[in-house]
Amino acid sequence: MAEFERLRVWRRAHELALLTYRLTKTLPDTERFGLTDQIRRAAVAIPANIAEGHGRANETEFRPFLSVALGSLSELQALMLLARDLHYVVEADLNEFWELATEVGKMTSALLSTLRRH
């Protein structure tokens, strides 16, 4: 097991990325190299930045990666709203996504705040 896998925030962010992949399977083929790709990149960036930051030498180096993860989360949420508004995904299918995205955001923010206090 990689050391970052012990982080609950990483595990939840990983689950969010998996869920995002499932939700974007229904997007039209015309969006394969557009919106689908952009949504998936944003989703993958969240756990990837948490993992990379955790692998740094100290907490000071970890903080910027958590900030980038939060930015990617905001990007992901904005892109999923666009997908919804384009009628590529229905609101009912997004409920689990919004709950998990909110949780990941809160957890990442809390970890970042904790690291800033040290």
Protein backbone atom coordinates (compact mmCIF):
# COMPACT_ATOMS: atom_id res chain seq x y z
CA MET A 1 0.00 0.00 0.00
CA ALA A 2 1.31 3.44 -0.91
CA GLU A 3 1.64 5.78 2.05
CA PHE A 4 -0.89 8.31 0.65
CA GLU A 5 -3.55 5.58 0.49
CA ARG A 6 -3.78 5.83 4.27
CA LEU A 7 -5.21 9.34 3.91
CA ARG A 8 -9.00 9.28 4.13
CA VAL A 9 -9.18 12.42 1.98
CA TRP A 10 -7.20 10.68 -0.77
CA ARG A 11 -9.49 7.62 -0.64
CA ARG A 12 -12.61 9.79 -0.94
CA ALA A 13 -11.06 11.86 -3.75
CA HIS A 14 -10.21 8.60 -5.54
CA GLU A 15 -13.84 7.49 -5.16
CA LEU A 16 -14.94 10.83 -6.62
CA ALA A 17 -12.72 10.28 -9.66
CA LEU A 18 -14.16 6.78 -10.16
CA LEU A 19 -17.71 8.10 -9.84
CA THR A 20 -16.94 10.87 -12.32
CA TYR A 21 -15.71 8.33 -14.86
CA ARG A 22 -18.96 6.39 -14.47
CA LEU A 23 -21.08 9.52 -14.90
CA THR A 24 -19.19 10.67 -17.99
CA LYS A 25 -19.62 7.35 -19.80
CA THR A 26 -23.01 8.63 -20.95
CA LEU A 27 -21.70 11.83 -22.54
CA PRO A 28 -22.01 11.89 -26.34
CA ASP A 29 -19.14 10.64 -28.49
CA THR A 30 -18.81 14.17 -29.92
CA GLU A 31 -17.59 15.26 -26.47
CA ARG A 32 -15.00 12.49 -26.12
CA PHE A 33 -12.05 14.82 -26.78
CA GLY A 34 -13.79 17.87 -25.34
CA LEU A 35 -15.91 18.04 -22.25
CA THR A 36 -15.53 14.37 -21.27
CA ASP A 37 -11.75 14.60 -21.35
CA GLN A 38 -11.69 17.88 -19.45
CA ILE A 39 -14.05 16.59 -16.75
CA ARG A 40 -11.99 13.45 -16.27
CA ARG A 41 -8.70 15.36 -16.11
CA ALA A 42 -10.08 17.61 -13.37
CA ALA A 43 -11.38 14.59 -11.44
CA VAL A 44 -8.06 12.75 -11.67
CA ALA A 45 -6.10 15.85 -10.65
CA ILE A 46 -7.69 15.90 -7.20
CA PRO A 47 -6.38 12.59 -5.77
CA ALA A 48 -3.20 12.92 -7.85
CA ASN A 49 -2.30 16.24 -6.24
CA ILE A 50 -3.12 14.95 -2.78
CA ALA A 51 -0.86 11.95 -3.37
CA GLU A 52 1.96 14.02 -4.85
CA GLY A 53 1.83 16.56 -2.06
CA HIS A 54 1.82 13.85 0.57
CA GLY A 55 4.97 12.46 -0.98
CA ARG A 56 6.85 15.73 -0.52
CA ALA A 57 9.49 16.24 2.13
CA ASN A 58 7.39 18.21 4.60
CA GLU A 59 4.03 19.80 5.39
CA THR A 60 5.08 23.16 3.94
CA GLU A 61 5.55 21.52 0.54
CA PHE A 62 2.24 19.60 0.90
CA ARG A 63 0.08 22.73 1.23
CA PRO A 64 0.31 24.02 -2.36
CA PHE A 65 -0.76 20.63 -3.69
CA LEU A 66 -3.86 20.68 -1.50
CA SER A 67 -4.64 24.14 -2.83
CA VAL A 68 -4.31 22.86 -6.41
CA ALA A 69 -6.57 19.91 -5.53
CA LEU A 70 -9.22 22.36 -4.29
CA GLY A 71 -8.92 24.32 -7.53
CA SER A 72 -9.37 21.14 -9.54
CA LEU A 73 -12.42 20.29 -7.46
CA SER A 74 -13.98 23.66 -8.28
CA GLU A 75 -13.18 23.13 -11.95
CA LEU A 76 -14.77 19.69 -11.83
CA GLN A 77 -17.92 21.03 -10.22
CA ALA A 78 -18.22 23.81 -12.82
CA LEU A 79 -17.76 21.32 -15.66
CA MET A 80 -20.37 18.96 -14.23
CA LEU A 81 -22.83 21.87 -14.05
CA LEU A 82 -22.11 22.52 -17.72
CA ALA A 83 -22.71 18.85 -18.55
CA ARG A 84 -25.99 19.02 -16.66
CA ASP A 85 -27.08 22.22 -18.40
CA LEU A 86 -26.26 20.68 -21.78
CA HIS A 87 -28.54 17.79 -20.77
CA TYR A 88 -25.68 15.28 -20.95
CA VAL A 89 -26.34 14.14 -17.38
CA VAL A 90 -29.51 14.42 -15.36
CA GLU A 91 -29.71 16.11 -11.97
CA ALA A 92 -30.83 12.91 -10.26
CA ASP A 93 -27.61 11.16 -11.34
CA LEU A 94 -25.55 13.98 -9.89
CA ASN A 95 -26.79 13.73 -6.29
CA GLU A 96 -24.11 11.25 -5.23
CA PHE A 97 -21.50 13.32 -7.08
CA TRP A 98 -22.45 16.55 -5.28
CA GLU A 99 -22.43 14.89 -1.87
CA LEU A 100 -19.04 13.31 -2.42
CA ALA A 101 -17.57 16.45 -4.01
CA THR A 102 -18.72 18.52 -1.04
CA GLU A 103 -17.20 16.01 1.37
CA VAL A 104 -13.88 15.97 -0.48
CA GLY A 105 -13.81 19.77 -0.49
CA LYS A 106 -14.45 19.99 3.23
CA MET A 107 -11.87 17.32 4.03
CA THR A 108 -9.22 18.91 1.82
CA SER A 109 -9.89 22.37 3.26
CA ALA A 110 -9.70 21.01 6.81
CA LEU A 111 -6.39 19.29 6.12
CA LEU A 112 -5.01 22.43 4.51
CA SER A 113 -6.10 24.52 7.53
CA THR A 114 -4.47 22.07 9.90
CA LEU A 115 -1.20 22.17 7.96
CA ARG A 116 -1.25 25.99 7.89
CA ARG A 117 -1.48 26.10 11.70
CA HIS A 118 1.67 23.99 12.08
